[in-house]
Amino acid sequence: MRKLVYYVAVSIDGFITGPGGEVDFYPEAPDMVEYLRAEFPETMPSHIRPHIGLDGAPNRRFDTVFMGRGTYQPALDAGVASPYAHLRQYVASTTLGELADPALKVVTDPVATVRRLKEEPGEDIWLCGGARLAGELLPEIDELVFKRYPVVAGYGLPAFTGPFRPRPFTPVETRTFSHGGTVTTYHPA
């Protein structure tokens, strides 16, 4: 069965973006960038893949991406209607309506859609954000991969929002990089 994997960047204090959607405050380290390119090439948007040597690179882990409207909107605002054209793309939204690009599917019931997708054959499903969608899908998440950057945001969009319903996870692997950032994989406890 396919897994739903929440693969996301977070600050030390657990924010995935700043209050205005900022992500440019995450410090980069060449060794972390290379690791992410090698292990998760399909998480790089289609329109930048040719510019970073990943044009035609095979998907290693995911064949489907699932995102909320807030995660999709910056691509749309930049004129990129299909940010992950190399993956099956789903956008959870009750306000977006139909999109002009048939490569994206808008869904209004993310839990039912994820449950259906998990039953299909294929690679894992990448939950790419955002906080509200991650909170709604928390019971369906089979793995967390947190790219934790050595920076405190102070305020912004947390990794999860929603009702208080603790769910324990166990770290199963952590890699540390030259700038002190880590990539930690967690499984449900």
N, C-alpha and C. Protein backbone atom coordinates (compact mmCIF):
# COMPACT_ATOMS: atom_id res chain seq x y z
N MET A 1 0.84 -1.18 0.00
CA MET A 1 0.00 0.00 0.00
C MET A 1 0.88 1.24 0.00
N ARG A 2 0.48 2.24 -0.75
CA ARG A 2 1.22 3.50 -0.83
C ARG A 2 1.13 4.24 0.50
N LYS A 3 2.16 5.03 0.77
CA LYS A 3 2.19 5.82 2.00
C LYS A 3 1.96 7.30 1.67
N LEU A 4 1.32 7.98 2.61
CA LEU A 4 1.23 9.43 2.56
C LEU A 4 2.38 9.96 3.40
N VAL A 5 3.27 10.73 2.75
CA VAL A 5 4.49 11.22 3.39
C VAL A 5 4.46 12.75 3.42
N TYR A 6 4.46 13.31 4.62
CA TYR A 6 4.53 14.76 4.76
C TYR A 6 6.01 15.13 4.75
N TYR A 7 6.47 15.60 3.60
CA TYR A 7 7.86 16.00 3.38
C TYR A 7 7.86 17.52 3.31
N VAL A 8 8.47 18.17 4.30
CA VAL A 8 8.32 19.62 4.40
C VAL A 8 9.52 20.24 5.10
N ALA A 9 9.80 21.49 4.77
CA ALA A 9 10.84 22.26 5.44
C ALA A 9 10.23 22.95 6.66
N VAL A 10 10.97 22.94 7.77
CA VAL A 10 10.51 23.61 8.99
C VAL A 10 11.67 24.33 9.65
N SER A 11 11.33 25.40 10.35
CA SER A 11 12.31 26.12 11.16
C SER A 11 12.48 25.38 12.49
N ILE A 12 13.45 25.79 13.28
CA ILE A 12 13.65 25.17 14.60
C ILE A 12 12.37 25.23 15.42
N ASP A 13 11.65 26.35 15.29
CA ASP A 13 10.43 26.53 16.08
C ASP A 13 9.17 26.02 15.38
N GLY A 14 9.32 25.24 14.31
CA GLY A 14 8.21 24.51 13.72
C GLY A 14 7.37 25.24 12.69
N PHE A 15 7.89 26.33 12.11
CA PHE A 15 7.14 27.05 11.08
C PHE A 15 7.60 26.62 9.69
N ILE A 16 6.64 26.50 8.76
CA ILE A 16 6.97 26.11 7.39
C ILE A 16 7.12 27.33 6.49
N THR A 17 6.51 28.44 6.85
CA THR A 17 6.70 29.71 6.14
C THR A 17 6.63 30.84 7.16
N GLY A 18 7.04 32.00 6.72
CA GLY A 18 6.84 33.20 7.52
C GLY A 18 5.39 33.63 7.42
N PRO A 19 5.00 34.72 8.09
CA PRO A 19 3.60 35.15 8.11
C PRO A 19 3.07 35.56 6.74
N GLY A 20 3.95 35.95 5.83
CA GLY A 20 3.53 36.32 4.48
C GLY A 20 3.86 35.26 3.45
N GLY A 21 4.11 34.03 3.89
CA GLY A 21 4.45 32.95 2.98
C GLY A 21 5.94 32.87 2.66
N GLU A 22 6.75 33.62 3.36
CA GLU A 22 8.19 33.65 3.09
C GLU A 22 8.83 32.29 3.37
N VAL A 23 9.76 31.91 2.48
CA VAL A 23 10.58 30.71 2.70
C VAL A 23 12.05 31.02 2.45
N ASP A 24 12.35 32.25 2.07
CA ASP A 24 13.72 32.62 1.75
C ASP A 24 14.62 32.81 2.97
N PHE A 25 14.09 32.61 4.16
CA PHE A 25 14.90 32.75 5.37
C PHE A 25 15.61 31.44 5.74
N TYR A 26 15.31 30.36 5.02
CA TYR A 26 15.98 29.08 5.30
C TYR A 26 17.41 29.13 4.78
N PRO A 27 18.41 28.95 5.65
CA PRO A 27 19.79 28.94 5.17
C PRO A 27 20.10 27.65 4.41
N GLU A 28 20.86 27.79 3.35
CA GLU A 28 21.22 26.61 2.55
C GLU A 28 22.62 26.14 2.90
N ALA A 29 22.84 24.87 2.69
CA ALA A 29 24.17 24.26 2.81
C ALA A 29 24.33 23.35 1.60
N PRO A 30 25.45 23.44 0.90
CA PRO A 30 25.63 22.64 -0.31
C PRO A 30 25.42 21.14 -0.10
N ASP A 31 25.88 20.60 1.03
CA ASP A 31 25.72 19.16 1.24
C ASP A 31 24.25 18.77 1.44
N MET A 32 23.46 19.64 2.05
CA MET A 32 22.03 19.35 2.21
C MET A 32 21.32 19.45 0.86
N VAL A 33 21.66 20.47 0.08
CA VAL A 33 21.06 20.63 -1.25
C VAL A 33 21.34 19.40 -2.10
N GLU A 34 22.58 18.93 -2.10
CA GLU A 34 22.93 17.74 -2.89
C GLU A 34 22.19 16.50 -2.41
N TYR A 35 22.08 16.34 -1.11
CA TYR A 35 21.34 15.19 -0.57
C TYR A 35 19.88 15.23 -1.02
N LEU A 36 19.24 16.38 -0.91
CA LEU A 36 17.83 16.49 -1.28
C LEU A 36 17.64 16.28 -2.78
N ARG A 37 18.55 16.81 -3.60
CA ARG A 37 18.47 16.59 -5.05
C ARG A 37 18.61 15.11 -5.40
N ALA A 38 19.49 14.41 -4.69
CA ALA A 38 19.72 13.00 -4.97
C ALA A 38 18.60 12.11 -4.46
N GLU A 39 18.11 12.39 -3.26
CA GLU A 39 17.11 11.52 -2.63
C GLU A 39 15.67 11.88 -2.95
N PHE A 40 15.39 13.14 -3.24
CA PHE A 40 14.02 13.60 -3.47
C PHE A 40 13.94 14.49 -4.71
N PRO A 41 14.48 14.03 -5.87
CA PRO A 41 14.51 14.91 -7.05
C PRO A 41 13.12 15.34 -7.52
N GLU A 42 12.13 14.49 -7.30
CA GLU A 42 10.79 14.81 -7.79
C GLU A 42 10.12 15.93 -7.01
N THR A 43 10.71 16.34 -5.89
CA THR A 43 10.12 17.44 -5.12
C THR A 43 10.56 18.80 -5.64
N MET A 44 11.41 18.81 -6.65
CA MET A 44 11.81 20.07 -7.29
C MET A 44 10.79 20.40 -8.37
N PRO A 45 10.28 21.63 -8.39
CA PRO A 45 9.26 22.00 -9.38
C PRO A 45 9.73 21.80 -10.82
N SER A 46 8.79 21.41 -11.66
CA SER A 46 9.10 21.11 -13.06
C SER A 46 9.79 22.24 -13.79
N HIS A 47 9.37 23.47 -13.55
CA HIS A 47 9.92 24.60 -14.31
C HIS A 47 11.35 24.94 -13.93
N ILE A 48 11.86 24.45 -12.79
CA ILE A 48 13.26 24.72 -12.46
C ILE A 48 14.16 23.51 -12.66
N ARG A 49 13.58 22.34 -12.85
CA ARG A 49 14.38 21.12 -12.99
C ARG A 49 15.43 21.21 -14.10
N PRO A 50 15.12 21.75 -15.29
CA PRO A 50 16.16 21.84 -16.33
C PRO A 50 17.34 22.74 -15.92
N HIS A 51 17.07 23.73 -15.07
CA HIS A 51 18.10 24.69 -14.67
C HIS A 51 19.00 24.17 -13.56
N ILE A 52 18.62 23.07 -12.92
CA ILE A 52 19.44 22.52 -11.83
C ILE A 52 19.90 21.09 -12.13
N GLY A 53 19.88 20.74 -13.40
CA GLY A 53 20.42 19.45 -13.81
C GLY A 53 19.51 18.26 -13.53
N LEU A 54 18.23 18.51 -13.35
CA LEU A 54 17.30 17.40 -13.05
C LEU A 54 16.29 17.15 -14.17
N ASP A 55 16.48 17.78 -15.31
CA ASP A 55 15.56 17.55 -16.42
C ASP A 55 15.62 16.09 -16.82
N GLY A 56 14.50 15.40 -16.74
CA GLY A 56 14.44 13.99 -17.09
C GLY A 56 14.88 13.05 -15.97
N ALA A 57 15.25 13.60 -14.81
CA ALA A 57 15.65 12.73 -13.70
C ALA A 57 14.45 11.90 -13.25
N PRO A 58 14.66 10.62 -12.98
CA PRO A 58 13.53 9.78 -12.57
C PRO A 58 13.06 10.12 -11.16
N ASN A 59 11.78 9.87 -10.94
CA ASN A 59 11.22 10.01 -9.60
C ASN A 59 11.78 8.86 -8.76
N ARG A 60 12.22 9.17 -7.57
CA ARG A 60 12.78 8.14 -6.69
C ARG A 60 11.78 7.63 -5.67
N ARG A 61 10.88 8.48 -5.23
CA ARG A 61 10.05 8.14 -4.08
C ARG A 61 8.57 8.34 -4.31
N PHE A 62 8.21 9.43 -4.99
CA PHE A 62 6.81 9.83 -5.14
C PHE A 62 6.40 9.86 -6.61
N ASP A 63 5.12 9.52 -6.86
CA ASP A 63 4.56 9.72 -8.19
C ASP A 63 3.33 10.63 -8.14
N THR A 64 2.99 11.10 -6.93
CA THR A 64 1.81 11.92 -6.72
C THR A 64 2.15 13.00 -5.70
N VAL A 65 1.64 14.21 -5.93
CA VAL A 65 1.79 15.29 -4.96
C VAL A 65 0.40 15.78 -4.57
N PHE A 66 0.23 16.04 -3.29
CA PHE A 66 -1.03 16.49 -2.72
C PHE A 66 -0.74 17.78 -1.98
N MET A 67 -1.40 18.86 -2.36
CA MET A 67 -1.13 20.16 -1.73
C MET A 67 -2.41 20.92 -1.47
N GLY A 68 -2.33 21.84 -0.53
CA GLY A 68 -3.45 22.72 -0.25
C GLY A 68 -3.42 23.93 -1.17
N ARG A 69 -4.47 24.69 -1.14
CA ARG A 69 -4.57 25.87 -2.00
C ARG A 69 -3.47 26.88 -1.70
N GLY A 70 -3.16 27.08 -0.43
CA GLY A 70 -2.11 28.04 -0.07
C GLY A 70 -0.75 27.63 -0.58
N THR A 71 -0.48 26.35 -0.68
CA THR A 71 0.78 25.86 -1.22
C THR A 71 0.81 26.01 -2.74
N TYR A 72 -0.33 25.81 -3.38
CA TYR A 72 -0.42 25.91 -4.83
C TYR A 72 -0.45 27.36 -5.33
N GLN A 73 -1.04 28.26 -4.56
CA GLN A 73 -1.28 29.62 -5.02
C GLN A 73 -0.02 30.37 -5.48
N PRO A 74 1.12 30.29 -4.78
CA PRO A 74 2.30 31.01 -5.28
C PRO A 74 2.71 30.58 -6.70
N ALA A 75 2.58 29.32 -7.02
CA ALA A 75 2.89 28.87 -8.38
C ALA A 75 1.91 29.51 -9.36
N LEU A 76 0.65 29.47 -9.02
CA LEU A 76 -0.37 30.07 -9.87
C LEU A 76 -0.11 31.56 -10.07
N ASP A 77 0.24 32.25 -8.98
CA ASP A 77 0.54 33.69 -9.06
C ASP A 77 1.74 33.98 -9.96
N ALA A 78 2.68 33.03 -10.03
CA ALA A 78 3.87 33.19 -10.86
C ALA A 78 3.63 32.73 -12.30
N GLY A 79 2.40 32.33 -12.61
CA GLY A 79 2.07 31.89 -13.96
C GLY A 79 2.42 30.43 -14.23
N VAL A 80 2.66 29.66 -13.16
CA VAL A 80 2.99 28.24 -13.30
C VAL A 80 1.75 27.45 -12.90
N ALA A 81 1.00 27.01 -13.90
CA ALA A 81 -0.26 26.32 -13.63
C ALA A 81 -0.06 24.88 -13.20
N SER A 82 1.07 24.29 -13.58
CA SER A 82 1.33 22.89 -13.27
C SER A 82 2.74 22.77 -12.67
N PRO A 83 2.90 23.08 -11.37
CA PRO A 83 4.24 23.15 -10.79
C PRO A 83 4.99 21.82 -10.72
N TYR A 84 4.27 20.72 -10.69
CA TYR A 84 4.90 19.40 -10.61
C TYR A 84 4.36 18.51 -11.74
N ALA A 85 4.58 18.95 -12.96
CA ALA A 85 4.03 18.25 -14.12
C ALA A 85 4.55 16.82 -14.24
N HIS A 86 5.65 16.51 -13.60
CA HIS A 86 6.23 15.17 -13.63
C HIS A 86 5.58 14.24 -12.60
N LEU A 87 4.58 14.75 -11.85
CA LEU A 87 3.84 13.97 -10.86
C LEU A 87 2.35 14.12 -11.12
N ARG A 88 1.55 13.18 -10.59
CA ARG A 88 0.10 13.40 -10.54
C ARG A 88 -0.13 14.46 -9.47
N GLN A 89 -0.92 15.48 -9.78
CA GLN A 89 -1.07 16.63 -8.90
C GLN A 89 -2.51 16.78 -8.42
N TYR A 90 -2.65 16.93 -7.10
CA TYR A 90 -3.95 17.16 -6.48
C TYR A 90 -3.86 18.41 -5.62
N VAL A 91 -4.89 19.25 -5.71
CA VAL A 91 -4.98 20.45 -4.89
C VAL A 91 -6.28 20.35 -4.10
N ALA A 92 -6.16 20.41 -2.78
CA ALA A 92 -7.33 20.38 -1.91
C ALA A 92 -7.82 21.81 -1.73
N SER A 93 -9.05 22.07 -2.15
CA SER A 93 -9.61 23.42 -2.04
C SER A 93 -11.12 23.36 -2.17
N THR A 94 -11.78 24.18 -1.38
CA THR A 94 -13.24 24.31 -1.52
C THR A 94 -13.60 25.60 -2.27
N THR A 95 -12.58 26.41 -2.61
CA THR A 95 -12.85 27.69 -3.28
C THR A 95 -12.22 27.81 -4.65
N LEU A 96 -11.31 26.93 -5.01
CA LEU A 96 -10.56 27.08 -6.25
C LEU A 96 -11.38 26.79 -7.49
N GLY A 97 -12.27 25.83 -7.44
CA GLY A 97 -13.03 25.46 -8.64
C GLY A 97 -12.16 24.70 -9.62
N GLU A 98 -12.63 24.58 -10.83
CA GLU A 98 -11.89 23.86 -11.86
C GLU A 98 -10.72 24.69 -12.36
N LEU A 99 -9.63 24.02 -12.68
CA LEU A 99 -8.45 24.68 -13.20
C LEU A 99 -8.37 24.49 -14.70
N ALA A 100 -7.70 25.43 -15.34
CA ALA A 100 -7.53 25.34 -16.79
C ALA A 100 -6.60 24.20 -17.17
N ASP A 101 -5.69 23.83 -16.29
CA ASP A 101 -4.74 22.77 -16.59
C ASP A 101 -5.32 21.42 -16.18
N PRO A 102 -5.56 20.54 -17.14
CA PRO A 102 -6.15 19.24 -16.81
C PRO A 102 -5.20 18.32 -16.03
N ALA A 103 -3.93 18.69 -15.92
CA ALA A 103 -2.98 17.87 -15.18
C ALA A 103 -3.21 17.96 -13.67
N LEU A 104 -3.92 18.98 -13.22
CA LEU A 104 -4.21 19.14 -11.80
C LEU A 104 -5.66 18.80 -11.53
N LYS A 105 -5.86 18.11 -10.41
CA LYS A 105 -7.22 17.79 -10.00
C LYS A 105 -7.50 18.51 -8.70
N VAL A 106 -8.62 19.22 -8.66
CA VAL A 106 -9.05 19.89 -7.44
C VAL A 106 -9.96 18.94 -6.69
N VAL A 107 -9.70 18.76 -5.40
CA VAL A 107 -10.52 17.87 -4.59
C VAL A 107 -11.06 18.63 -3.39
N THR A 108 -12.27 18.31 -3.00
CA THR A 108 -12.90 18.97 -1.85
C THR A 108 -12.94 18.07 -0.62
N ASP A 109 -12.66 16.79 -0.80
CA ASP A 109 -12.62 15.86 0.33
C ASP A 109 -11.25 15.19 0.37
N PRO A 110 -10.26 15.86 0.98
CA PRO A 110 -8.90 15.32 0.93
C PRO A 110 -8.74 13.98 1.62
N VAL A 111 -9.45 13.74 2.71
CA VAL A 111 -9.30 12.47 3.43
C VAL A 111 -9.75 11.31 2.55
N ALA A 112 -10.93 11.43 1.95
CA ALA A 112 -11.43 10.36 1.08
C ALA A 112 -10.52 10.17 -0.13
N THR A 113 -10.03 11.27 -0.69
CA THR A 113 -9.15 11.18 -1.86
C THR A 113 -7.85 10.47 -1.51
N VAL A 114 -7.25 10.84 -0.38
CA VAL A 114 -5.99 10.20 0.04
C VAL A 114 -6.22 8.72 0.31
N ARG A 115 -7.30 8.38 0.97
CA ARG A 115 -7.58 6.96 1.23
C ARG A 115 -7.70 6.18 -0.07
N ARG A 116 -8.35 6.76 -1.06
CA ARG A 116 -8.49 6.10 -2.36
C ARG A 116 -7.14 5.97 -3.04
N LEU A 117 -6.35 7.05 -3.03
CA LEU A 117 -5.03 7.01 -3.66
C LEU A 117 -4.11 5.99 -3.01
N LYS A 118 -4.20 5.84 -1.70
CA LYS A 118 -3.35 4.87 -1.00
C LYS A 118 -3.65 3.44 -1.42
N GLU A 119 -4.85 3.18 -1.86
CA GLU A 119 -5.24 1.84 -2.30
C GLU A 119 -4.77 1.53 -3.72
N GLU A 120 -4.46 2.56 -4.49
CA GLU A 120 -4.02 2.35 -5.87
C GLU A 120 -2.56 1.89 -5.91
N PRO A 121 -2.17 1.20 -6.97
CA PRO A 121 -0.75 0.86 -7.11
C PRO A 121 0.06 2.11 -7.44
N GLY A 122 1.32 2.09 -7.07
CA GLY A 122 2.18 3.22 -7.41
C GLY A 122 3.14 3.55 -6.30
N GLU A 123 3.84 4.64 -6.48
CA GLU A 123 4.81 5.11 -5.50
C GLU A 123 4.07 5.87 -4.40
N ASP A 124 4.82 6.36 -3.43
CA ASP A 124 4.23 7.09 -2.31
C ASP A 124 3.64 8.42 -2.77
N ILE A 125 2.84 9.00 -1.88
CA ILE A 125 2.14 10.27 -2.12
C ILE A 125 2.83 11.32 -1.27
N TRP A 126 3.25 12.40 -1.91
CA TRP A 126 3.92 13.48 -1.22
C TRP A 126 2.90 14.52 -0.77
N LEU A 127 2.75 14.66 0.52
CA LEU A 127 1.96 15.76 1.08
C LEU A 127 2.92 16.92 1.22
N CYS A 128 2.72 17.93 0.38
CA CYS A 128 3.70 19.01 0.31
C CYS A 128 3.28 20.23 1.10
N GLY A 129 2.12 20.28 1.65
CA GLY A 129 1.67 21.40 2.48
C GLY A 129 0.27 21.78 2.08
N GLY A 130 -0.34 22.58 2.84
CA GLY A 130 0.13 23.34 3.98
C GLY A 130 -0.40 22.82 5.31
N ALA A 131 -0.36 23.74 6.24
CA ALA A 131 -0.60 23.42 7.65
C ALA A 131 -2.01 22.90 7.90
N ARG A 132 -2.99 23.54 7.33
CA ARG A 132 -4.38 23.11 7.56
C ARG A 132 -4.63 21.74 6.94
N LEU A 133 -4.12 21.54 5.72
CA LEU A 133 -4.28 20.24 5.06
C LEU A 133 -3.54 19.15 5.84
N ALA A 134 -2.33 19.45 6.32
CA ALA A 134 -1.58 18.48 7.11
C ALA A 134 -2.33 18.14 8.40
N GLY A 135 -2.93 19.13 9.01
CA GLY A 135 -3.73 18.87 10.22
C GLY A 135 -4.93 18.01 9.94
N GLU A 136 -5.60 18.26 8.82
CA GLU A 136 -6.76 17.45 8.45
C GLU A 136 -6.36 16.02 8.12
N LEU A 137 -5.20 15.86 7.49
CA LEU A 137 -4.75 14.54 7.06
C LEU A 137 -3.88 13.83 8.09
N LEU A 138 -3.67 14.43 9.25
CA LEU A 138 -2.78 13.84 10.26
C LEU A 138 -3.05 12.35 10.52
N PRO A 139 -4.31 11.92 10.66
CA PRO A 139 -4.53 10.48 10.90
C PRO A 139 -4.12 9.59 9.72
N GLU A 140 -4.00 10.17 8.53
CA GLU A 140 -3.64 9.41 7.33
C GLU A 140 -2.15 9.41 7.04
N ILE A 141 -1.38 10.24 7.74
CA ILE A 141 0.06 10.37 7.46
C ILE A 141 0.79 9.12 7.95
N ASP A 142 1.55 8.51 7.03
CA ASP A 142 2.30 7.29 7.31
C ASP A 142 3.77 7.56 7.61
N GLU A 143 4.23 8.75 7.25
CA GLU A 143 5.63 9.08 7.48
C GLU A 143 5.79 10.60 7.43
N LEU A 144 6.65 11.11 8.29
CA LEU A 144 7.05 12.52 8.26
C LEU A 144 8.50 12.58 7.83
N VAL A 145 8.83 13.50 6.94
CA VAL A 145 10.22 13.79 6.61
C VAL A 145 10.35 15.30 6.79
N PHE A 146 10.97 15.68 7.90
CA PHE A 146 11.12 17.10 8.23
C PHE A 146 12.54 17.55 7.91
N LYS A 147 12.63 18.50 7.00
CA LYS A 147 13.89 19.17 6.72
C LYS A 147 13.94 20.34 7.70
N ARG A 148 14.65 20.17 8.80
CA ARG A 148 14.69 21.21 9.85
C ARG A 148 15.93 22.07 9.63
N TYR A 149 15.67 23.36 9.40
CA TYR A 149 16.74 24.32 9.13
C TYR A 149 17.12 25.05 10.41
N PRO A 150 18.41 25.39 10.57
CA PRO A 150 18.88 26.01 11.81
C PRO A 150 18.56 27.51 11.86
N VAL A 151 17.27 27.81 11.94
CA VAL A 151 16.82 29.19 12.02
C VAL A 151 15.51 29.21 12.81
N VAL A 152 15.33 30.25 13.59
CA VAL A 152 14.08 30.47 14.31
C VAL A 152 13.28 31.50 13.52
N ALA A 153 12.06 31.16 13.15
CA ALA A 153 11.21 32.09 12.40
C ALA A 153 10.51 33.07 13.34
N GLY A 154 10.14 32.62 14.51
CA GLY A 154 9.46 33.48 15.46
C GLY A 154 7.96 33.54 15.28
N TYR A 155 7.52 33.52 14.04
CA TYR A 155 6.09 33.57 13.75
C TYR A 155 5.91 33.15 12.30
N GLY A 156 4.76 32.60 12.00
CA GLY A 156 4.48 32.20 10.64
C GLY A 156 3.45 31.09 10.60
N LEU A 157 3.51 30.28 9.58
CA LEU A 157 2.59 29.17 9.39
C LEU A 157 3.22 27.92 10.00
N PRO A 158 2.56 27.32 11.01
CA PRO A 158 3.14 26.13 11.64
C PRO A 158 3.01 24.91 10.72
N ALA A 159 3.71 23.86 11.06
CA ALA A 159 3.68 22.63 10.26
C ALA A 159 2.29 22.00 10.23
N PHE A 160 1.53 22.18 11.31
CA PHE A 160 0.17 21.63 11.41
C PHE A 160 -0.75 22.67 12.06
N THR A 161 -1.97 22.74 11.60
CA THR A 161 -3.03 23.46 12.32
C THR A 161 -4.25 22.56 12.34
N GLY A 162 -5.12 22.81 13.28
CA GLY A 162 -6.34 22.00 13.39
C GLY A 162 -6.64 21.71 14.83
N PRO A 163 -7.53 20.77 15.07
CA PRO A 163 -7.91 20.46 16.45
C PRO A 163 -6.76 19.80 17.21
N PHE A 164 -6.81 19.92 18.51
CA PHE A 164 -5.83 19.28 19.38
C PHE A 164 -6.10 17.78 19.37
N ARG A 165 -5.19 17.02 18.78
CA ARG A 165 -5.29 15.56 18.75
C ARG A 165 -3.89 14.98 18.60
N PRO A 166 -3.18 14.89 19.70
CA PRO A 166 -1.80 14.40 19.65
C PRO A 166 -1.69 13.03 18.99
N ARG A 167 -0.65 12.88 18.19
CA ARG A 167 -0.36 11.60 17.54
C ARG A 167 1.15 11.38 17.64
N PRO A 168 1.57 10.36 18.36
CA PRO A 168 3.02 10.16 18.54
C PRO A 168 3.69 9.59 17.29
N PHE A 169 4.91 10.06 17.06
CA PHE A 169 5.78 9.58 16.00
C PHE A 169 7.13 9.26 16.61
N THR A 170 7.85 8.34 15.98
CA THR A 170 9.18 7.94 16.43
C THR A 170 10.19 8.28 15.34
N PRO A 171 11.29 8.97 15.70
CA PRO A 171 12.32 9.21 14.69
C PRO A 171 13.03 7.91 14.33
N VAL A 172 13.20 7.67 13.04
CA VAL A 172 13.86 6.44 12.59
C VAL A 172 15.18 6.71 11.88
N GLU A 173 15.39 7.95 11.44
CA GLU A 173 16.66 8.31 10.80
C GLU A 173 16.82 9.82 10.84
N THR A 174 18.03 10.26 11.15
CA THR A 174 18.36 11.69 11.10
C THR A 174 19.70 11.86 10.42
N ARG A 175 19.75 12.79 9.49
CA ARG A 175 21.01 13.18 8.84
C ARG A 175 21.27 14.63 9.20
N THR A 176 22.49 14.92 9.56
CA THR A 176 22.87 16.28 9.92
C THR A 176 23.81 16.82 8.84
N PHE A 177 23.66 18.11 8.54
CA PHE A 177 24.42 18.73 7.46
C PHE A 177 25.33 19.83 7.99
N SER A 178 26.20 20.34 7.13
CA SER A 178 27.27 21.23 7.55
C SER A 178 26.80 22.49 8.26
N HIS A 179 25.62 22.97 7.99
CA HIS A 179 25.12 24.18 8.65
C HIS A 179 24.30 23.88 9.90
N GLY A 180 24.22 22.60 10.26
CA GLY A 180 23.48 22.20 11.45
C GLY A 180 22.05 21.80 11.18
N GLY A 181 21.60 21.96 9.96
CA GLY A 181 20.26 21.51 9.59
C GLY A 181 20.20 19.99 9.56
N THR A 182 18.99 19.46 9.65
CA THR A 182 18.80 18.02 9.66
C THR A 182 17.65 17.62 8.74
N VAL A 183 17.68 16.38 8.33
CA VAL A 183 16.52 15.74 7.70
C VAL A 183 16.21 14.53 8.57
N THR A 184 15.03 14.56 9.19
CA THR A 184 14.63 13.49 10.09
C THR A 184 13.38 12.83 9.56
N THR A 185 13.42 11.50 9.52
CA THR A 185 12.27 10.71 9.12
C THR A 185 11.64 10.13 10.38
N TYR A 186 10.31 10.25 10.45
CA TYR A 186 9.53 9.75 11.59
C TYR A 186 8.49 8.78 11.08
N HIS A 187 8.23 7.75 11.84
CA HIS A 187 7.11 6.82 11.59
C HIS A 187 6.13 6.90 12.73
N PRO A 188 4.86 6.62 12.48
CA PRO A 188 3.89 6.61 13.61
C PRO A 188 4.35 5.65 14.68
N ALA A 189 4.20 6.06 15.94
CA ALA A 189 4.62 5.22 17.08
C ALA A 189 3.61 4.11 17.29
